[in-house]
C-alpha atoms as a PDB file:
ATOM      1  CA  UNK A   1      27.763 -30.195  24.962  1.00  0.00           C
ATOM      2  CA  UNK A   2      27.281 -33.581  26.315  1.00  0.00           C
ATOM      3  CA  UNK A   3      24.826 -31.205  29.192  1.00  0.00           C
ATOM      4  CA  UNK A   4      23.407 -29.285  26.394  1.00  0.00           C
ATOM      5  CA  UNK A   5      20.082 -31.061  26.457  1.00  0.00           C
ATOM      6  CA  UNK A   6      19.894 -30.970  30.074  1.00  0.00           C
ATOM      7  CA  UNK A   7      19.551 -27.623  30.264  1.00  0.00           C
ATOM      8  CA  UNK A   8      16.373 -27.146  28.885  1.00  0.00           C
ATOM      9  CA  UNK A   9      14.879 -28.417  31.111  1.00  0.00           C
ATOM     10  CA  UNK A  10      16.688 -26.882  33.915  1.00  0.00           C
ATOM     11  CA  UNK A  11      16.327 -23.377  32.873  1.00  0.00           C
ATOM     12  CA  UNK A  12      12.449 -23.513  32.896  1.00  0.00           C
ATOM     13  CA  UNK A  13      13.019 -25.258  36.451  1.00  0.00           C
ATOM     14  CA  UNK A  14      12.787 -21.965  38.607  1.00  0.00           C
ATOM     15  CA  UNK A  15       9.086 -21.286  36.740  1.00  0.00           C
ATOM     16  CA  UNK A  16       7.931 -24.872  36.798  1.00  0.00           C
ATOM     17  CA  UNK A  17       9.744 -26.462  39.939  1.00  0.00           C
ATOM     18  CA  UNK A  18       6.255 -25.567  42.155  1.00  0.00           C
ATOM     19  CA  UNK A  19       4.085 -27.764  39.862  1.00  0.00           C
ATOM     20  CA  UNK A  20       3.515 -31.366  41.611  1.00  0.00           C
ATOM     21  CA  UNK A  21       2.322 -32.378  38.441  1.00  0.00           C
ATOM     22  CA  UNK A  22       5.920 -31.613  36.092  1.00  0.00           C
ATOM     23  CA  UNK A  23       8.476 -34.482  36.365  1.00  0.00           C
ATOM     24  CA  UNK A  24      12.003 -34.029  35.481  1.00  0.00           C
ATOM     25  CA  UNK A  25      14.293 -36.252  35.038  1.00  0.00           C
ATOM     26  CA  UNK A  26      17.716 -36.938  32.665  1.00  0.00           C
ATOM     27  CA  UNK A  27      18.354 -39.955  30.655  1.00  0.00           C
ATOM     28  CA  UNK A  28      21.665 -42.256  29.374  1.00  0.00           C
ATOM     29  CA  UNK A  29      21.189 -44.660  26.605  1.00  0.00           C
ATOM     30  CA  UNK A  30      23.342 -47.264  24.471  1.00  0.00           C
ATOM     31  CA  UNK A  31      22.313 -49.018  21.158  1.00  0.00           C
ATOM     32  CA  UNK A  32      22.284 -49.340  17.318  1.00  0.00           C
ATOM     33  CA  UNK A  33      21.432 -47.831  14.230  1.00  0.00           C
ATOM     34  CA  UNK A  34      20.869 -48.947  10.730  1.00  0.00           C
ATOM     35  CA  UNK A  35      21.962 -46.835   7.983  1.00  0.00           C
ATOM     36  CA  UNK A  36      22.880 -47.384   4.764  1.00  0.00           C
ATOM     37  CA  UNK A  37      24.796 -44.574   2.384  1.00  0.00           C
ATOM     38  CA  UNK A  38      24.073 -46.722  -0.978  1.00  0.00           C
ATOM     39  CA  UNK A  39      25.222 -43.918  -3.578  1.00  0.00           C
ATOM     40  CA  UNK A  40      28.708 -43.404  -1.220  1.00  0.00           C
ATOM     41  CA  UNK A  41      29.089 -47.251  -0.694  1.00  0.00           C
ATOM     42  CA  UNK A  42      28.251 -47.602  -4.606  1.00  0.00           C
ATOM     43  CA  UNK A  43      30.726 -45.378  -5.810  1.00  0.00           C
ATOM     44  CA  UNK A  44      33.171 -46.117  -3.415  1.00  0.00           C
ATOM     45  CA  UNK A  45      32.790 -50.163  -4.503  1.00  0.00           C
ATOM     46  CA  UNK A  46      34.198 -49.756  -7.573  1.00  0.00           C
ATOM     47  CA  UNK A  47      37.457 -48.718  -6.341  1.00  0.00           C
ATOM     48  CA  UNK A  48      39.466 -52.143  -4.900  1.00  0.00           C
ATOM     49  CA  UNK A  49      41.867 -50.059  -2.512  1.00  0.00           C
ATOM     50  CA  UNK A  50      38.524 -48.774  -0.172  1.00  0.00           C
ATOM     51  CA  UNK A  51      36.286 -50.523   1.888  1.00  0.00           C
ATOM     52  CA  UNK A  52      32.500 -49.576   1.854  1.00  0.00           C
ATOM     53  CA  UNK A  53      30.897 -48.231   4.885  1.00  0.00           C
ATOM     54  CA  UNK A  54      29.369 -50.121   7.428  1.00  0.00           C
ATOM     55  CA  UNK A  55      25.738 -50.232   8.196  1.00  0.00           C
ATOM     56  CA  UNK A  56      25.411 -50.958  11.566  1.00  0.00           C
ATOM     57  CA  UNK A  57      26.261 -47.938  13.615  1.00  0.00           C
ATOM     58  CA  UNK A  58      26.775 -47.931  17.526  1.00  0.00           C
ATOM     59  CA  UNK A  59      25.336 -45.029  19.199  1.00  0.00           C
ATOM     60  CA  UNK A  60      25.620 -43.184  22.579  1.00  0.00           C
ATOM     61  CA  UNK A  61      23.303 -40.560  23.797  1.00  0.00           C
ATOM     62  CA  UNK A  62      22.236 -38.882  27.033  1.00  0.00           C
ATOM     63  CA  UNK A  63      19.566 -35.695  27.213  1.00  0.00           C
ATOM     64  CA  UNK A  64      16.030 -34.823  29.501  1.00  0.00           C
ATOM     65  CA  UNK A  65      12.601 -35.566  29.586  1.00  0.00           C
ATOM     66  CA  UNK A  66      10.221 -33.057  30.893  1.00  0.00           C
ATOM     67  CA  UNK A  67       6.758 -34.768  31.370  1.00  0.00           C
ATOM     68  CA  UNK A  68       3.534 -32.938  32.463  1.00  0.00           C
ATOM     69  CA  UNK A  69       0.041 -34.965  32.701  1.00  0.00           C
ATOM     70  CA  UNK A  70       0.145 -37.627  29.629  1.00  0.00           C
ATOM     71  CA  UNK A  71       2.785 -34.884  27.724  1.00  0.00           C
ATOM     72  CA  UNK A  72       6.295 -35.875  27.143  1.00  0.00           C
ATOM     73  CA  UNK A  73       8.919 -33.480  26.015  1.00  0.00           C
ATOM     74  CA  UNK A  74      12.547 -34.923  25.155  1.00  0.00           C
ATOM     75  CA  UNK A  75      15.959 -33.710  23.985  1.00  0.00           C
ATOM     76  CA  UNK A  76      18.626 -35.768  23.123  1.00  0.00           C
ATOM     77  CA  UNK A  77      22.606 -35.536  22.338  1.00  0.00           C
ATOM     78  CA  UNK A  78      23.617 -38.616  20.422  1.00  0.00           C
ATOM     79  CA  UNK A  79      27.118 -39.797  19.086  1.00  0.00           C
ATOM     80  CA  UNK A  80      27.716 -42.906  16.796  1.00  0.00           C
ATOM     81  CA  UNK A  81      31.055 -44.766  15.451  1.00  0.00           C
ATOM     82  CA  UNK A  82      31.261 -48.011  13.798  1.00  0.00           C
ATOM     83  CA  UNK A  83      34.136 -49.692  11.724  1.00  0.00           C
ATOM     84  CA  UNK A  84      34.313 -51.935   8.661  1.00  0.00           C
ATOM     85  CA  UNK A  85      37.234 -53.800   7.589  1.00  0.00           C
ATOM     86  CA  UNK A  86      41.134 -54.375   9.490  1.00  0.00           C
ATOM     87  CA  UNK A  87      41.940 -51.345  11.253  1.00  0.00           C
ATOM     88  CA  UNK A  88      45.256 -52.008  10.744  1.00  0.00           C
ATOM     89  CA  UNK A  89      44.793 -52.385   6.755  1.00  0.00           C
ATOM     90  CA  UNK A  90      41.999 -51.728   4.535  1.00  0.00           C
ATOM     91  CA  UNK A  91      38.935 -50.207   6.622  1.00  0.00           C
ATOM     92  CA  UNK A  92      36.291 -47.315   6.490  1.00  0.00           C
ATOM     93  CA  UNK A  93      34.520 -45.924   9.478  1.00  0.00           C
ATOM     94  CA  UNK A  94      31.302 -43.831   9.555  1.00  0.00           C
ATOM     95  CA  UNK A  95      30.644 -41.372  12.833  1.00  0.00           C
ATOM     96  CA  UNK A  96      27.795 -39.026  13.644  1.00  0.00           C
ATOM     97  CA  UNK A  97      26.717 -36.307  16.222  1.00  0.00           C
ATOM     98  CA  UNK A  98      23.392 -35.766  16.316  1.00  0.00           C
ATOM     99  CA  UNK A  99      21.168 -33.486  18.375  1.00  0.00           C
ATOM    100  CA  UNK A 100      17.028 -34.044  18.650  1.00  0.00           C
ATOM    101  CA  UNK A 101      13.810 -32.279  20.194  1.00  0.00           C
ATOM    102  CA  UNK A 102      10.982 -34.783  20.554  1.00  0.00           C
ATOM    103  CA  UNK A 103       7.151 -34.393  22.056  1.00  0.00           C
ATOM    104  CA  UNK A 104       4.822 -37.641  22.537  1.00  0.00           C
ATOM    105  CA  UNK A 105       2.187 -38.385  24.567  1.00  0.00           C
ATOM    106  CA  UNK A 106       2.142 -41.204  27.489  1.00  0.00           C
ATOM    107  CA  UNK A 107      -0.263 -43.491  26.831  1.00  0.00           C
ATOM    108  CA  UNK A 108      -0.323 -44.777  30.919  1.00  0.00           C
ATOM    109  CA  UNK A 109      -0.987 -42.156  33.591  1.00  0.00           C
ATOM    110  CA  UNK A 110       2.133 -40.338  34.894  1.00  0.00           C
ATOM    111  CA  UNK A 111       1.872 -42.323  38.269  1.00  0.00           C
ATOM    112  CA  UNK A 112       1.804 -45.757  37.030  1.00  0.00           C
ATOM    113  CA  UNK A 113       5.020 -47.399  37.366  1.00  0.00           C
ATOM    114  CA  UNK A 114       4.812 -48.011  33.257  1.00  0.00           C
ATOM    115  CA  UNK A 115       5.367 -46.043  30.503  1.00  0.00           C
ATOM    116  CA  UNK A 116       4.157 -45.613  26.832  1.00  0.00           C
ATOM    117  CA  UNK A 117       4.860 -43.130  24.586  1.00  0.00           C
ATOM    118  CA  UNK A 118       4.727 -42.680  21.238  1.00  0.00           C
ATOM    119  CA  UNK A 119       7.021 -39.551  19.945  1.00  0.00           C
ATOM    120  CA  UNK A 120       7.807 -36.783  17.191  1.00  0.00           C
ATOM    121  CA  UNK A 121      10.120 -34.474  16.676  1.00  0.00           C
ATOM    122  CA  UNK A 122      12.930 -32.907  14.880  1.00  0.00           C
ATOM    123  CA  UNK A 123      16.994 -32.928  14.738  1.00  0.00           C
ATOM    124  CA  UNK A 124      20.354 -32.310  13.177  1.00  0.00           C
ATOM    125  CA  UNK A 125      22.664 -34.849  12.364  1.00  0.00           C
ATOM    126  CA  UNK A 126      26.120 -34.375  10.632  1.00  0.00           C
ATOM    127  CA  UNK A 127      28.727 -37.050   9.312  1.00  0.00           C
ATOM    128  CA  UNK A 128      31.606 -38.171   8.469  1.00  0.00           C
ATOM    129  CA  UNK A 129      32.641 -41.196   6.705  1.00  0.00           C
ATOM    130  CA  UNK A 130      36.596 -41.725   6.220  1.00  0.00           C
ATOM    131  CA  UNK A 131      37.963 -44.541   3.847  1.00  0.00           C
ATOM    132  CA  UNK A 132      41.335 -45.876   4.875  1.00  0.00           C
ATOM    133  CA  UNK A 133      43.652 -47.943   2.374  1.00  0.00           C
ATOM    134  CA  UNK A 134      45.970 -51.263   3.364  1.00  0.00           C
ATOM    135  CA  UNK A 135      49.549 -49.920   3.263  1.00  0.00           C
ATOM    136  CA  UNK A 136      50.754 -52.926   4.476  1.00  0.00           C
ATOM    137  CA  UNK A 137      53.183 -52.643   1.258  1.00  0.00           C
ATOM    138  CA  UNK A 138      54.147 -49.369   1.114  1.00  0.00           C
ATOM    139  CA  UNK A 139      57.573 -49.084   2.541  1.00  0.00           C
ATOM    140  CA  UNK A 140      58.768 -47.112   6.145  1.00  0.00           C
ATOM    141  CA  UNK A 141      61.655 -45.536   4.319  1.00  0.00           C
ATOM    142  CA  UNK A 142      59.953 -44.352   1.005  1.00  0.00           C
ATOM    143  CA  UNK A 143      57.049 -42.590   3.262  1.00  0.00           C
ATOM    144  CA  UNK A 144      59.777 -40.264   4.884  1.00  0.00           C
ATOM    145  CA  UNK A 145      61.569 -39.957   1.608  1.00  0.00           C
ATOM    146  CA  UNK A 146      58.904 -38.830  -0.437  1.00  0.00           C
ATOM    147  CA  UNK A 147      56.186 -36.256   0.184  1.00  0.00           C
ATOM    148  CA  UNK A 148      53.980 -38.162  -2.517  1.00  0.00           C
ATOM    149  CA  UNK A 149      53.831 -41.466  -0.893  1.00  0.00           C
ATOM    150  CA  UNK A 150      52.807 -39.407   2.309  1.00  0.00           C
ATOM    151  CA  UNK A 151      49.779 -38.236   0.660  1.00  0.00           C
ATOM    152  CA  UNK A 152      49.045 -41.702  -0.831  1.00  0.00           C
ATOM    153  CA  UNK A 153      49.100 -42.962   2.835  1.00  0.00           C
ATOM    154  CA  UNK A 154      46.142 -40.672   3.840  1.00  0.00           C
ATOM    155  CA  UNK A 155      42.818 -41.300   4.427  1.00  0.00           C
ATOM    156  CA  UNK A 156      40.236 -39.847   2.616  1.00  0.00           C
ATOM    157  CA  UNK A 157      36.998 -38.418   4.482  1.00  0.00           C
ATOM    158  CA  UNK A 158      33.697 -37.203   3.155  1.00  0.00           C
ATOM    159  CA  UNK A 159      30.992 -35.182   5.456  1.00  0.00           C
ATOM    160  CA  UNK A 160      27.567 -34.675   5.079  1.00  0.00           C
ATOM    161  CA  UNK A 161      24.981 -33.190   7.772  1.00  0.00           C
ATOM    162  CA  UNK A 162      20.879 -33.459   7.708  1.00  0.00           C
ATOM    163  CA  UNK A 163      17.959 -31.545   9.272  1.00  0.00           C
ATOM    164  CA  UNK A 164      15.709 -34.686  10.311  1.00  0.00           C
ATOM    165  CA  UNK A 165      12.375 -35.877  10.982  1.00  0.00           C
ATOM    166  CA  UNK A 166      11.876 -38.794  13.530  1.00  0.00           C
ATOM    167  CA  UNK A 167       9.411 -41.103  15.011  1.00  0.00           C
ATOM    168  CA  UNK A 168       9.699 -43.089  17.617  1.00  0.00           C
ATOM    169  CA  UNK A 169       8.266 -45.155  20.660  1.00  0.00           C
ATOM    170  CA  UNK A 170       9.708 -45.643  23.888  1.00  0.00           C
ATOM    171  CA  UNK A 171       8.205 -48.442  26.295  1.00  0.00           C
ATOM    172  CA  UNK A 172      10.135 -47.695  30.293  1.00  0.00           C
ATOM    173  CA  UNK A 173       9.408 -49.748  33.609  1.00  0.00           C
ATOM    174  CA  UNK A 174      10.217 -47.216  36.898  1.00  0.00           C
ATOM    175  CA  UNK A 175      11.429 -48.280  39.867  1.00  0.00           C
ATOM    176  CA  UNK A 176       9.425 -48.902  43.033  1.00  0.00           C
ATOM    177  CA  UNK A 177      10.309 -45.250  44.765  1.00  0.00           C
ATOM    178  CA  UNK A 178       9.719 -44.118  41.193  1.00  0.00           C
ATOM    179  CA  UNK A 179      13.376 -42.296  41.685  1.00  0.00           C
ATOM    180  CA  UNK A 180      14.463 -43.780  37.862  1.00  0.00           C
ATOM    181  CA  UNK A 181      13.143 -45.988  35.321  1.00  0.00           C
ATOM    182  CA  UNK A 182      14.777 -48.608  32.662  1.00  0.00           C
ATOM    183  CA  UNK A 183      13.852 -49.149  28.860  1.00  0.00           C
ATOM    184  CA  UNK A 184      13.634 -50.177  25.337  1.00  0.00           C
ATOM    185  CA  UNK A 185      13.915 -46.855  22.389  1.00  0.00           C
ATOM    186  CA  UNK A 186      12.783 -47.768  19.018  1.00  0.00           C
ATOM    187  CA  UNK A 187      12.340 -45.568  16.267  1.00  0.00           C
ATOM    188  CA  UNK A 188      12.921 -43.738  12.570  1.00  0.00           C
ATOM    189  CA  UNK A 189      14.886 -41.291  11.626  1.00  0.00           C
ATOM    190  CA  UNK A 190      14.754 -39.402   7.941  1.00  0.00           C
ATOM    191  CA  UNK A 191      16.324 -36.516   6.261  1.00  0.00           C
ATOM    192  CA  UNK A 192      14.011 -34.469   3.919  1.00  0.00           C
ATOM    193  CA  UNK A 193      16.175 -34.724   0.965  1.00  0.00           C
ATOM    194  CA  UNK A 194      19.015 -35.575  -0.081  1.00  0.00           C
ATOM    195  CA  UNK A 195      22.718 -34.399   0.221  1.00  0.00           C
ATOM    196  CA  UNK A 196      25.805 -34.411  -1.564  1.00  0.00           C
ATOM    197  CA  UNK A 197      28.971 -36.136   0.553  1.00  0.00           C
ATOM    198  CA  UNK A 198      31.651 -32.771   0.897  1.00  0.00           C
ATOM    199  CA  UNK A 199      35.296 -32.989   0.926  1.00  0.00           C
ATOM    200  CA  UNK A 200      37.332 -30.724   3.730  1.00  0.00           C
ATOM    201  CA  UNK A 201      34.087 -30.092   5.840  1.00  0.00           C
ATOM    202  CA  UNK A 202      32.000 -28.230   2.977  1.00  0.00           C
ATOM    203  CA  UNK A 203      33.478 -28.199  -0.358  1.00  0.00           C
ATOM    204  CA  UNK A 204      31.717 -29.677  -3.008  1.00  0.00           C
ATOM    205  CA  UNK A 205      32.983 -31.900  -5.637  1.00  0.00           C
ATOM    206  CA  UNK A 206      31.739 -32.721  -9.128  1.00  0.00           C
ATOM    207  CA  UNK A 207      29.992 -35.467  -9.622  1.00  0.00           C
ATOM    208  CA  UNK A 208      29.680 -35.889  -5.773  1.00  0.00           C
ATOM    209  CA  UNK A 209      27.360 -38.705  -4.640  1.00  0.00           C
ATOM    210  CA  UNK A 210      23.843 -37.408  -2.946  1.00  0.00           C
ATOM    211  CA  UNK A 211      22.502 -39.547  -0.178  1.00  0.00           C
ATOM    212  CA  UNK A 212      19.707 -39.405   2.213  1.00  0.00           C
ATOM    213  CA  UNK A 213      18.955 -40.398   5.825  1.00  0.00           C
ATOM    214  CA  UNK A 214      17.547 -43.148   6.538  1.00  0.00           C
ATOM    215  CA  UNK A 215      18.269 -44.922   9.931  1.00  0.00           C
ATOM    216  CA  UNK A 216      16.466 -47.192  12.018  1.00  0.00           C
ATOM    217  CA  UNK A 217      17.879 -47.186  16.022  1.00  0.00           C
ATOM    218  CA  UNK A 218      16.833 -49.458  18.733  1.00  0.00           C
ATOM    219  CA  UNK A 219      18.450 -48.357  22.419  1.00  0.00           C
ATOM    220  CA  UNK A 220      17.658 -49.334  26.022  1.00  0.00           C
ATOM    221  CA  UNK A 221      18.218 -46.368  28.195  1.00  0.00           C
ATOM    222  CA  UNK A 222      18.025 -45.529  31.716  1.00  0.00           C
ATOM    223  CA  UNK A 223      16.330 -42.041  33.352  1.00  0.00           C
ATOM    224  CA  UNK A 224      17.125 -40.282  36.756  1.00  0.00           C
ATOM    225  CA  UNK A 225      14.154 -38.584  38.022  1.00  0.00           C
ATOM    226  CA  UNK A 226      15.533 -34.834  39.247  1.00  0.00           C
ATOM    227  CA  UNK A 227      13.032 -34.343  42.291  1.00  0.00           C
ATOM    228  CA  UNK A 228      13.644 -31.182  44.043  1.00  0.00           C
ATOM    229  CA  UNK A 229      10.291 -30.586  44.653  1.00  0.00           C
ATOM    230  CA  UNK A 230       9.908 -27.205  46.195  1.00  0.00           C
ATOM    231  CA  UNK A 231      13.183 -26.554  47.258  1.00  0.00           C
ATOM    232  CA  UNK A 232      15.215 -23.475  46.335  1.00  0.00           C
ATOM    233  CA  UNK A 233      17.196 -23.432  42.956  1.00  0.00           C
ATOM    234  CA  UNK A 234      20.953 -23.649  43.369  1.00  0.00           C
END
């Protein structure tokens, strides 16, 4: 799955690698996102044994970039994780996996060392929200001897999935030999509608809270140019 975003550009190279106006690169990024799931947090906040979800989450991503003239295509895969509270006691964690496909327009010429391109696109993101209770007062022997105590120690986990729309702005500066670049990304990802939180991956509970996705992100990214030129594909 981590290599999937690069396959799109690699599959096209057999047809387009002879076109010098097209460039291919892969990227890695690290960043943060800000996301509030208000309905779920408000419901959880009513129960003292649970900690509300974190609002800031760290992200790692990778993908591919295809440029032809001023036009840019970006495919990406993102993983993210954050924790709120004490991991040995009461805490909550939020994680997601995301796939995205964006198109953009580079304001500068393709041969310029600077790149500035706004993007828009679509994506798919799956979320996992986990709530861990404080077990420091629970007896070890009671857990061994009682199925009820074992069930009481388990985390509560909910899931959600969104089809998304995306807007971003990318600023990068190429190395002197144009073999790579480093830059910043910032943008917004939103869901098309509110979706209820589910348990056991896809089971809906009565009166489940519903949230929409509204996520702002900022990343530091690095690209590596795949300069195969007219060489035969291996």
